[in-house]
C-alpha atoms as a PDB file:
ATOM      1  CA  MET A   1     105.576  68.350  97.102  1.00  0.00           C
ATOM      2  CA  HIS A   2     101.874  68.882  97.854  1.00  0.00           C
ATOM      3  CA  THR A   3     100.130  71.712  95.949  1.00  0.00           C
ATOM      4  CA  ILE A   4      97.997  73.896  98.211  1.00  0.00           C
ATOM      5  CA  TRP A   5      96.931  76.602  95.735  1.00  0.00           C
ATOM      6  CA  LYS A   6      96.745  77.073  91.976  1.00  0.00           C
ATOM      7  CA  GLY A   7      96.414  80.348  90.121  1.00  0.00           C
ATOM      8  CA  SER A   8      98.590  82.926  88.399  1.00  0.00           C
ATOM      9  CA  ILE A   9     100.907  85.852  89.061  1.00  0.00           C
ATOM     10  CA  SER A  10     100.776  88.892  86.815  1.00  0.00           C
ATOM     11  CA  PHE A  11     103.005  91.935  86.552  1.00  0.00           C
ATOM     12  CA  GLY A  12     102.225  94.333  83.759  1.00  0.00           C
ATOM     13  CA  LEU A  13     101.107  92.261  80.779  1.00  0.00           C
ATOM     14  CA  VAL A  14     103.057  89.165  81.870  1.00  0.00           C
ATOM     15  CA  ASN A  15     100.919  86.356  83.286  1.00  0.00           C
ATOM     16  CA  ILE A  16     102.470  83.303  84.978  1.00  0.00           C
ATOM     17  CA  PRO A  17     100.376  80.204  85.827  1.00  0.00           C
ATOM     18  CA  ILE A  18     101.696  78.949  89.177  1.00  0.00           C
ATOM     19  CA  LYS A  19     101.285  76.509  92.047  1.00  0.00           C
ATOM     20  CA  LEU A  20     102.018  77.195  95.707  1.00  0.00           C
ATOM     21  CA  HIS A  21     103.663  74.691  98.052  1.00  0.00           C
ATOM     22  CA  SER A  22     104.241  75.130 101.783  1.00  0.00           C
ATOM     23  CA  ALA A  23     107.917  76.005 102.340  1.00  0.00           C
ATOM     24  CA  THR A  24     107.987  75.077 106.021  1.00  0.00           C
ATOM     25  CA  GLU A  25     106.601  72.265 108.166  1.00  0.00           C
ATOM     26  CA  ASP A  26     105.849  71.754 111.829  1.00  0.00           C
ATOM     27  CA  ARG A  27     108.308  69.163 113.145  1.00  0.00           C
ATOM     28  CA  ASP A  28     107.018  69.178 116.729  1.00  0.00           C
ATOM     29  CA  ILE A  29     106.395  65.725 118.233  1.00  0.00           C
ATOM     30  CA  LYS A  30     102.664  65.400 118.780  1.00  0.00           C
ATOM     31  CA  LEU A  31     101.623  64.026 122.168  1.00  0.00           C
ATOM     32  CA  ARG A  32      98.120  62.707 122.866  1.00  0.00           C
ATOM     33  CA  SER A  33      96.250  63.380 126.105  1.00  0.00           C
ATOM     34  CA  LEU A  34      95.346  60.086 127.819  1.00  0.00           C
ATOM     35  CA  HIS A  35      93.146  59.222 130.773  1.00  0.00           C
ATOM     36  CA  LYS A  36      95.639  58.525 133.557  1.00  0.00           C
ATOM     37  CA  GLU A  37      93.635  55.566 134.905  1.00  0.00           C
ATOM     38  CA  CYS A  38      93.120  53.513 131.721  1.00  0.00           C
ATOM     39  CA  HIS A  39      95.339  55.294 129.141  1.00  0.00           C
ATOM     40  CA  THR A  40      92.463  55.871 126.730  1.00  0.00           C
ATOM     41  CA  PRO A  41      92.869  58.939 124.474  1.00  0.00           C
ATOM     42  CA  ILE A  42      90.710  61.832 125.662  1.00  0.00           C
ATOM     43  CA  LYS A  43      87.895  62.732 123.305  1.00  0.00           C
ATOM     44  CA  TYR A  44      86.981  66.391 122.828  1.00  0.00           C
ATOM     45  CA  GLU A  45      83.360  66.783 121.840  1.00  0.00           C
ATOM     46  CA  LYS A  46      81.373  69.777 120.653  1.00  0.00           C
ATOM     47  CA  VAL A  47      78.721  70.239 123.304  1.00  0.00           C
ATOM     48  CA  CYS A  48      76.164  73.019 123.696  1.00  0.00           C
ATOM     49  CA  PRO A  49      76.394  74.050 127.374  1.00  0.00           C
ATOM     50  CA  ALA A  50      72.831  75.423 127.391  1.00  0.00           C
ATOM     51  CA  CYS A  51      71.134  72.414 125.791  1.00  0.00           C
ATOM     52  CA  GLU A  52      73.580  69.991 127.426  1.00  0.00           C
ATOM     53  CA  LYS A  53      73.869  67.836 124.331  1.00  0.00           C
ATOM     54  CA  GLU A  54      76.488  66.962 121.742  1.00  0.00           C
ATOM     55  CA  ILE A  55      76.089  68.610 118.330  1.00  0.00           C
ATOM     56  CA  ASP A  56      77.538  67.991 114.875  1.00  0.00           C
ATOM     57  CA  HIS A  57      78.637  70.426 112.155  1.00  0.00           C
ATOM     58  CA  HIS A  58      75.126  70.612 110.669  1.00  0.00           C
ATOM     59  CA  ASP A  59      73.920  72.311 113.867  1.00  0.00           C
ATOM     60  CA  ILE A  60      76.646  74.976 113.866  1.00  0.00           C
ATOM     61  CA  VAL A  61      76.429  78.492 112.404  1.00  0.00           C
ATOM     62  CA  LYS A  62      78.974  81.318 112.418  1.00  0.00           C
ATOM     63  CA  GLY A  63      78.438  84.375 114.583  1.00  0.00           C
ATOM     64  CA  TYR A  64      80.229  87.605 115.481  1.00  0.00           C
ATOM     65  CA  GLU A  65      80.051  88.601 119.166  1.00  0.00           C
ATOM     66  CA  VAL A  66      78.959  92.252 119.295  1.00  0.00           C
ATOM     67  CA  THR A  67      78.788  92.445 123.086  1.00  0.00           C
ATOM     68  CA  LYS A  68      79.003  89.781 125.773  1.00  0.00           C
ATOM     69  CA  GLY A  69      76.443  87.100 124.831  1.00  0.00           C
ATOM     70  CA  LYS A  70      75.049  89.108 121.877  1.00  0.00           C
ATOM     71  CA  PHE A  71      75.823  87.844 118.380  1.00  0.00           C
ATOM     72  CA  VAL A  72      75.260  88.720 114.741  1.00  0.00           C
ATOM     73  CA  VAL A  73      74.577  85.425 112.953  1.00  0.00           C
ATOM     74  CA  LEU A  74      76.119  84.990 109.510  1.00  0.00           C
ATOM     75  CA  GLN A  75      74.466  82.480 107.209  1.00  0.00           C
ATOM     76  CA  GLU A  76      76.556  80.026 105.188  1.00  0.00           C
ATOM     77  CA  GLU A  77      75.085  81.407 101.939  1.00  0.00           C
ATOM     78  CA  GLU A  78      76.234  84.931 102.838  1.00  0.00           C
ATOM     79  CA  LEU A  79      79.755  83.777 103.600  1.00  0.00           C
ATOM     80  CA  LYS A  80      79.837  81.687 100.425  1.00  0.00           C
ATOM     81  CA  GLU A  81      78.849  84.741  98.369  1.00  0.00           C
ATOM     82  CA  LEU A  82      81.713  86.745  99.884  1.00  0.00           C
ATOM     83  CA  LYS A  83      84.136  83.912  99.112  1.00  0.00           C
ATOM     84  CA  GLU A  84      83.001  83.864  95.471  1.00  0.00           C
ATOM     85  CA  GLU A  85      83.505  87.643  95.178  1.00  0.00           C
ATOM     86  CA  ASN A  86      87.074  87.283  96.473  1.00  0.00           C
ATOM     87  CA  GLY A  87      87.709  83.945  94.811  1.00  0.00           C
ATOM     88  CA  ASP A  88      89.778  85.232  91.874  1.00  0.00           C
ATOM     89  CA  LYS A  89      92.844  83.019  91.541  1.00  0.00           C
ATOM     90  CA  ALA A  90      94.983  85.802  90.052  1.00  0.00           C
ATOM     91  CA  VAL A  91      97.794  87.444  92.008  1.00  0.00           C
ATOM     92  CA  GLU A  92      98.705  90.895  90.740  1.00  0.00           C
ATOM     93  CA  ILE A  93     102.034  92.427  91.706  1.00  0.00           C
ATOM     94  CA  VAL A  94     101.172  96.062  92.298  1.00  0.00           C
ATOM     95  CA  ASP A  95     104.513  97.459  93.518  1.00  0.00           C
ATOM     96  CA  PHE A  96     108.207  96.650  93.686  1.00  0.00           C
ATOM     97  CA  ILE A  97     110.289  97.630  96.713  1.00  0.00           C
ATOM     98  CA  LYS A  98     113.600  96.853  98.399  1.00  0.00           C
ATOM     99  CA  MET A  99     113.512  93.879 100.758  1.00  0.00           C
ATOM    100  CA  GLU A 100     115.205  95.793 103.583  1.00  0.00           C
ATOM    101  CA  GLU A 101     112.253  98.199 103.725  1.00  0.00           C
ATOM    102  CA  ILE A 102     110.076  95.457 105.262  1.00  0.00           C
ATOM    103  CA  ASP A 103     110.613  94.745 108.950  1.00  0.00           C
ATOM    104  CA  PRO A 104     110.535  90.982 109.792  1.00  0.00           C
ATOM    105  CA  ILE A 105     107.632  91.615 112.200  1.00  0.00           C
ATOM    106  CA  PHE A 106     105.362  91.743 109.137  1.00  0.00           C
ATOM    107  CA  PHE A 107     106.315  88.256 107.879  1.00  0.00           C
ATOM    108  CA  GLU A 108     103.747  85.495 108.365  1.00  0.00           C
ATOM    109  CA  ARG A 109     104.227  82.351 106.250  1.00  0.00           C
ATOM    110  CA  THR A 110     106.362  81.315 103.296  1.00  0.00           C
ATOM    111  CA  TYR A 111     105.318  79.324 100.203  1.00  0.00           C
ATOM    112  CA  TYR A 112     107.417  77.996  97.346  1.00  0.00           C
ATOM    113  CA  VAL A 113     106.144  79.040  93.921  1.00  0.00           C
ATOM    114  CA  SER A 114     106.435  76.640  90.987  1.00  0.00           C
ATOM    115  CA  PRO A 115     105.322  77.263  87.386  1.00  0.00           C
ATOM    116  CA  ASN A 116     102.196  75.519  86.197  1.00  0.00           C
ATOM    117  CA  ASP A 117     101.721  74.222  82.647  1.00  0.00           C
ATOM    118  CA  GLY A 118     103.095  76.669  80.075  1.00  0.00           C
ATOM    119  CA  GLY A 119     104.515  79.057  82.657  1.00  0.00           C
ATOM    120  CA  LYS A 120     108.213  78.194  82.746  1.00  0.00           C
ATOM    121  CA  LYS A 121     109.491  80.983  80.505  1.00  0.00           C
ATOM    122  CA  ALA A 122     107.474  83.730  82.216  1.00  0.00           C
ATOM    123  CA  TYR A 123     108.529  82.279  85.599  1.00  0.00           C
ATOM    124  CA  SER A 124     112.190  82.521  84.578  1.00  0.00           C
ATOM    125  CA  LEU A 125     111.657  86.075  83.335  1.00  0.00           C
ATOM    126  CA  LEU A 126     110.207  87.282  86.660  1.00  0.00           C
ATOM    127  CA  ARG A 127     112.915  85.466  88.622  1.00  0.00           C
ATOM    128  CA  LYS A 128     115.705  87.022  86.544  1.00  0.00           C
ATOM    129  CA  ALA A 129     114.137  90.500  86.694  1.00  0.00           C
ATOM    130  CA  LEU A 130     113.887  90.337  90.488  1.00  0.00           C
ATOM    131  CA  GLN A 131     117.479  89.131  90.781  1.00  0.00           C
ATOM    132  CA  GLU A 132     118.822  91.865  88.508  1.00  0.00           C
ATOM    133  CA  SER A 133     116.842  94.655  90.167  1.00  0.00           C
ATOM    134  CA  GLY A 134     117.396  93.504  93.746  1.00  0.00           C
ATOM    135  CA  LYS A 135     113.706  94.189  94.402  1.00  0.00           C
ATOM    136  CA  VAL A 136     110.724  92.175  95.684  1.00  0.00           C
ATOM    137  CA  GLY A 137     107.137  92.391  94.470  1.00  0.00           C
ATOM    138  CA  ILE A 138     104.169  93.419  96.640  1.00  0.00           C
ATOM    139  CA  ALA A 139     101.006  91.496  95.748  1.00  0.00           C
ATOM    140  CA  LYS A 140      97.585  90.479  97.070  1.00  0.00           C
ATOM    141  CA  ILE A 141      96.324  86.902  97.175  1.00  0.00           C
ATOM    142  CA  THR A 142      93.089  85.338  98.432  1.00  0.00           C
ATOM    143  CA  MET A 143      93.735  82.137 100.394  1.00  0.00           C
ATOM    144  CA  ARG A 144      91.338  80.283 102.688  1.00  0.00           C
ATOM    145  CA  SER A 145      88.697  82.988 102.193  1.00  0.00           C
ATOM    146  CA  LYS A 146      91.069  85.705 103.398  1.00  0.00           C
ATOM    147  CA  GLU A 147      92.643  88.412 101.263  1.00  0.00           C
ATOM    148  CA  GLN A 148      96.298  88.569 102.233  1.00  0.00           C
ATOM    149  CA  LEU A 149      99.162  90.891 101.451  1.00  0.00           C
ATOM    150  CA  SER A 150     102.282  89.134 100.216  1.00  0.00           C
ATOM    151  CA  ILE A 151     105.722  89.633  98.755  1.00  0.00           C
ATOM    152  CA  VAL A 152     107.244  87.722  95.855  1.00  0.00           C
ATOM    153  CA  ARG A 153     111.014  87.241  95.997  1.00  0.00           C
ATOM    154  CA  VAL A 154     113.791  84.871  94.948  1.00  0.00           C
ATOM    155  CA  TYR A 155     115.261  82.282  97.312  1.00  0.00           C
ATOM    156  CA  GLU A 156     117.949  79.910  96.038  1.00  0.00           C
ATOM    157  CA  ASN A 157     116.832  80.231  92.409  1.00  0.00           C
ATOM    158  CA  THR A 158     113.178  79.611  93.337  1.00  0.00           C
ATOM    159  CA  LEU A 159     110.378  82.140  93.567  1.00  0.00           C
ATOM    160  CA  VAL A 160     108.776  82.294  96.976  1.00  0.00           C
ATOM    161  CA  MET A 161     105.630  84.048  98.122  1.00  0.00           C
ATOM    162  CA  GLU A 162     105.630  85.303 101.662  1.00  0.00           C
ATOM    163  CA  THR A 163     102.339  86.390 103.220  1.00  0.00           C
ATOM    164  CA  ILE A 164     102.725  89.445 105.406  1.00  0.00           C
ATOM    165  CA  HIS A 165     100.495  91.163 107.945  1.00  0.00           C
ATOM    166  CA  TYR A 166      98.544  94.301 107.131  1.00  0.00           C
ATOM    167  CA  PRO A 167      99.724  97.341 109.131  1.00  0.00           C
ATOM    168  CA  ASP A 168      96.628  97.321 111.374  1.00  0.00           C
ATOM    169  CA  GLU A 169      97.414  93.691 112.329  1.00  0.00           C
ATOM    170  CA  VAL A 170     100.760  94.688 113.860  1.00  0.00           C
ATOM    171  CA  ARG A 171     100.349  96.056 117.372  1.00  0.00           C
ATOM    172  CA  GLY A 172     101.993  99.322 118.255  1.00  0.00           C
ATOM    173  CA  THR A 173     105.115  99.284 120.413  1.00  0.00           C
ATOM    174  CA  GLY A 174     103.500 101.917 122.618  1.00  0.00           C
ATOM    175  CA  ASP A 175     101.190  99.196 123.996  1.00  0.00           C
ATOM    176  CA  VAL A 176     104.104  97.132 125.338  1.00  0.00           C
ATOM    177  CA  PRO A 177     104.202  97.517 129.152  1.00  0.00           C
ATOM    178  CA  ASN A 178     107.243  98.395 131.252  1.00  0.00           C
ATOM    179  CA  VAL A 179     109.551  99.363 128.404  1.00  0.00           C
ATOM    180  CA  PRO A 180     112.246 101.553 130.042  1.00  0.00           C
ATOM    181  CA  GLU A 181     113.035 105.039 128.847  1.00  0.00           C
ATOM    182  CA  GLU A 182     116.564 105.862 127.730  1.00  0.00           C
ATOM    183  CA  ASP A 183     118.778 105.009 130.700  1.00  0.00           C
ATOM    184  CA  GLU A 184     122.222 106.427 131.387  1.00  0.00           C
ATOM    185  CA  ILE A 185     124.727 103.955 129.994  1.00  0.00           C
ATOM    186  CA  THR A 186     128.401 104.509 130.704  1.00  0.00           C
ATOM    187  CA  ASP A 187     130.936 104.386 127.899  1.00  0.00           C
ATOM    188  CA  LYS A 188     132.622 101.413 129.574  1.00  0.00           C
ATOM    189  CA  GLU A 189     129.370  99.418 129.744  1.00  0.00           C
ATOM    190  CA  LEU A 190     128.587 100.128 126.095  1.00  0.00           C
ATOM    191  CA  GLU A 191     132.137  99.276 125.016  1.00  0.00           C
ATOM    192  CA  THR A 192     132.007  95.930 126.881  1.00  0.00           C
ATOM    193  CA  ALA A 193     128.618  95.015 125.423  1.00  0.00           C
ATOM    194  CA  THR A 194     129.754  95.945 121.913  1.00  0.00           C
ATOM    195  CA  MET A 195     132.913  93.881 122.326  1.00  0.00           C
ATOM    196  CA  LEU A 196     130.861  90.853 123.383  1.00  0.00           C
ATOM    197  CA  ILE A 197     128.645  91.226 120.300  1.00  0.00           C
ATOM    198  CA  GLU A 198     131.727  91.371 118.076  1.00  0.00           C
ATOM    199  CA  GLN A 199     133.151  88.211 119.676  1.00  0.00           C
ATOM    200  CA  LEU A 200     129.902  86.297 119.089  1.00  0.00           C
ATOM    201  CA  THR A 201     129.373  87.602 115.540  1.00  0.00           C
ATOM    202  CA  THR A 202     129.531  84.895 112.855  1.00  0.00           C
ATOM    203  CA  ASP A 203     128.030  83.908 109.494  1.00  0.00           C
ATOM    204  CA  PHE A 204     124.504  82.527 109.648  1.00  0.00           C
ATOM    205  CA  GLN A 205     124.656  78.733 109.362  1.00  0.00           C
ATOM    206  CA  PRO A 206     121.129  77.411 110.052  1.00  0.00           C
ATOM    207  CA  GLN A 207     122.333  73.778 110.187  1.00  0.00           C
ATOM    208  CA  LYS A 208     124.159  74.370 113.463  1.00  0.00           C
ATOM    209  CA  TYR A 209     120.990  75.334 115.345  1.00  0.00           C
ATOM    210  CA  LYS A 210     118.971  72.368 116.602  1.00  0.00           C
ATOM    211  CA  ASP A 211     115.796  71.829 118.584  1.00  0.00           C
ATOM    212  CA  LEU A 212     117.384  70.129 121.602  1.00  0.00           C
ATOM    213  CA  TYR A 213     114.057  69.571 123.373  1.00  0.00           C
ATOM    214  CA  ARG A 214     112.632  67.727 120.366  1.00  0.00           C
ATOM    215  CA  GLU A 215     115.774  65.567 120.112  1.00  0.00           C
ATOM    216  CA  ARG A 216     115.654  64.649 123.806  1.00  0.00           C
ATOM    217  CA  LEU A 217     111.921  63.931 123.656  1.00  0.00           C
ATOM    218  CA  SER A 218     112.457  61.680 120.636  1.00  0.00           C
ATOM    219  CA  GLN A 219     115.235  59.816 122.494  1.00  0.00           C
ATOM    220  CA  LEU A 220     112.998  59.411 125.555  1.00  0.00           C
ATOM    221  CA  ILE A 221     110.162  57.952 123.459  1.00  0.00           C
ATOM    222  CA  GLU A 222     112.564  55.606 121.682  1.00  0.00           C
ATOM    223  CA  SER A 223     114.078  54.385 124.960  1.00  0.00           C
ATOM    224  CA  LYS A 224     110.606  53.645 126.351  1.00  0.00           C
ATOM    225  CA  GLN A 225     109.724  51.718 123.195  1.00  0.00           C
ATOM    226  CA  THR A 226     112.932  49.696 123.439  1.00  0.00           C
ATOM    227  CA  GLY A 227     112.291  48.970 127.111  1.00  0.00           C
ATOM    228  CA  GLU A 228     108.724  47.871 126.226  1.00  0.00           C
ATOM    229  CA  LYS A 229     107.225  50.514 128.498  1.00  0.00           C
ATOM    230  CA  ILE A 230     104.161  50.698 126.300  1.00  0.00           C
ATOM    231  CA  VAL A 231     100.626  50.945 127.637  1.00  0.00           C
ATOM    232  CA  THR A 232      97.478  49.780 125.887  1.00  0.00           C
ATOM    233  CA  ALA A 233      94.355  51.885 125.786  1.00  0.00           C
ATOM    234  CA  LYS A 234      91.371  50.331 127.476  1.00  0.00           C
ATOM    235  CA  GLU A 235      88.708  49.217 125.024  1.00  0.00           C
ATOM    236  CA  LYS A 236      85.327  50.806 125.425  1.00  0.00           C
ATOM    237  CA  GLU A 237      82.857  48.392 126.966  1.00  0.00           C
ATOM    238  CA  PRO A 238      79.660  47.991 124.932  1.00  0.00           C
ATOM    239  CA  LYS A 239      76.728  49.735 126.523  1.00  0.00           C
ATOM    240  CA  GLU A 240      73.745  47.630 127.485  1.00  0.00           C
ATOM    241  CA  ASN A 241      70.915  48.393 125.130  1.00  0.00           C
ATOM    242  CA  VAL A 242      68.459  49.933 127.566  1.00  0.00           C
ATOM    243  CA  THR A 243      65.816  50.424 124.888  1.00  0.00           C
ATOM    244  CA  ASP A 244      65.793  46.746 123.902  1.00  0.00           C
ATOM    245  CA  LEU A 245      65.879  45.704 127.561  1.00  0.00           C
ATOM    246  CA  MET A 246      62.843  47.839 128.420  1.00  0.00           C
ATOM    247  CA  ALA A 247      61.026  46.512 125.365  1.00  0.00           C
ATOM    248  CA  ALA A 248      61.785  42.952 126.436  1.00  0.00           C
ATOM    249  CA  LEU A 249      60.563  43.619 129.981  1.00  0.00           C
ATOM    250  CA  GLN A 250      57.412  45.267 128.709  1.00  0.00           C
ATOM    251  CA  ALA A 251      56.800  42.344 126.346  1.00  0.00           C
ATOM    252  CA  SER A 252      57.193  39.956 129.263  1.00  0.00           C
ATOM    253  CA  ILE A 253      54.674  41.929 131.306  1.00  0.00           C
ATOM    254  CA  ASP A 254      52.239  42.075 128.415  1.00  0.00           C
ATOM    255  CA  SER A 255      52.546  38.367 127.716  1.00  0.00           C
ATOM    256  CA  SER A 256      51.842  37.529 131.353  1.00  0.00           C
ATOM    257  CA  LYS A 257      48.626  39.585 131.521  1.00  0.00           C
ATOM    258  CA  PRO A 258      46.361  37.157 129.566  1.00  0.00           C
ATOM    259  CA  ASN A 259      47.621  34.197 131.590  1.00  0.00           C
ATOM    260  CA  LYS A 260      46.846  36.052 134.791  1.00  0.00           C
ATOM    261  CA  ALA A 261      43.339  36.895 133.605  1.00  0.00           C
ATOM    262  CA  LYS A 262      42.814  33.323 132.462  1.00  0.00           C
ATOM    263  CA  THR A 263      43.970  31.993 135.832  1.00  0.00           C
ATOM    264  CA  THR A 264      41.625  34.398 137.649  1.00  0.00           C
ATOM    265  CA  LYS A 265      38.712  33.285 135.428  1.00  0.00           C
ATOM    266  CA  LYS A 266      39.459  29.622 136.143  1.00  0.00           C
ATOM    267  CA  LYS A 267      39.521  30.287 139.865  1.00  0.00           C
ATOM    268  CA  ALA A 268      36.145  32.073 139.662  1.00  0.00           C
ATOM    269  CA  THR A 269      34.571  29.174 137.694  1.00  0.00           C
ATOM    270  CA  SER A 270      35.854  26.607 140.176  1.00  0.00           C
ATOM    271  CA  LYS A 271      34.476  28.630 143.049  1.00  0.00           C
ATOM    272  CA  LYS A 272      30.980  28.719 141.485  1.00  0.00           C
ATOM    273  CA  LYS A 273      30.999  24.965 140.929  1.00  0.00           C
ATOM    274  CA  ALA A 274      31.961  24.396 144.512  1.00  0.00           C
ATOM    275  CA  GLN A 275      28.993  26.472 145.669  1.00  0.00           C
END
């Protein structure tokens, strides 16, 4: 399993060297955008609309838009300095709380935590303590130049770290449009709805839920492959070297000039002799 982060977790005087591994993966089938006429993959280029030319990463700087079209430019050195200030690879658990106190709206991404060299015993200690207490740890971690809030908990005998949103990153429900006020619901309506919920209530078995669209798309792609309905992208034709062509033309013109002058001189000499 690929390691995406190395550092340590500390709670009190206990320090655990750890590695983080992504706990989830995107299983979506990736489709390319092709030119309908020749089936060549579309290329997305970074182009400056004002200068009307393609640019590379060396020509790009970061900027924060203050107002429409007005930016504060941030230099790479300034950003690098901020990264170094927040670059500590230590994760400190600052609080312990009950899992049910956190609403799922705060959850962002999950990582498996494995012990690094010499950290197995301390890893086991934290895991056992969390299991016995029924609590989860609240910690801060800096990843990809961003300080993130996270929780540390146990999942199937493995420690996991789950990044969560800060409170100001979660929008208020008051901003949601057209949410109805409390309507009058009859006892019969509520009883029927509750009965339906009871009938559909079951134990959570994640294996029974499948991405039907992805399965059908995979079957469609496979059937087209089997039926040899495969197109070939058109190869890019080499551009004629205009620079070399112009140079060759100019060289031809230049080489013909002395001959022309020589011919003119000969004609003049012949004319004098004839006189």
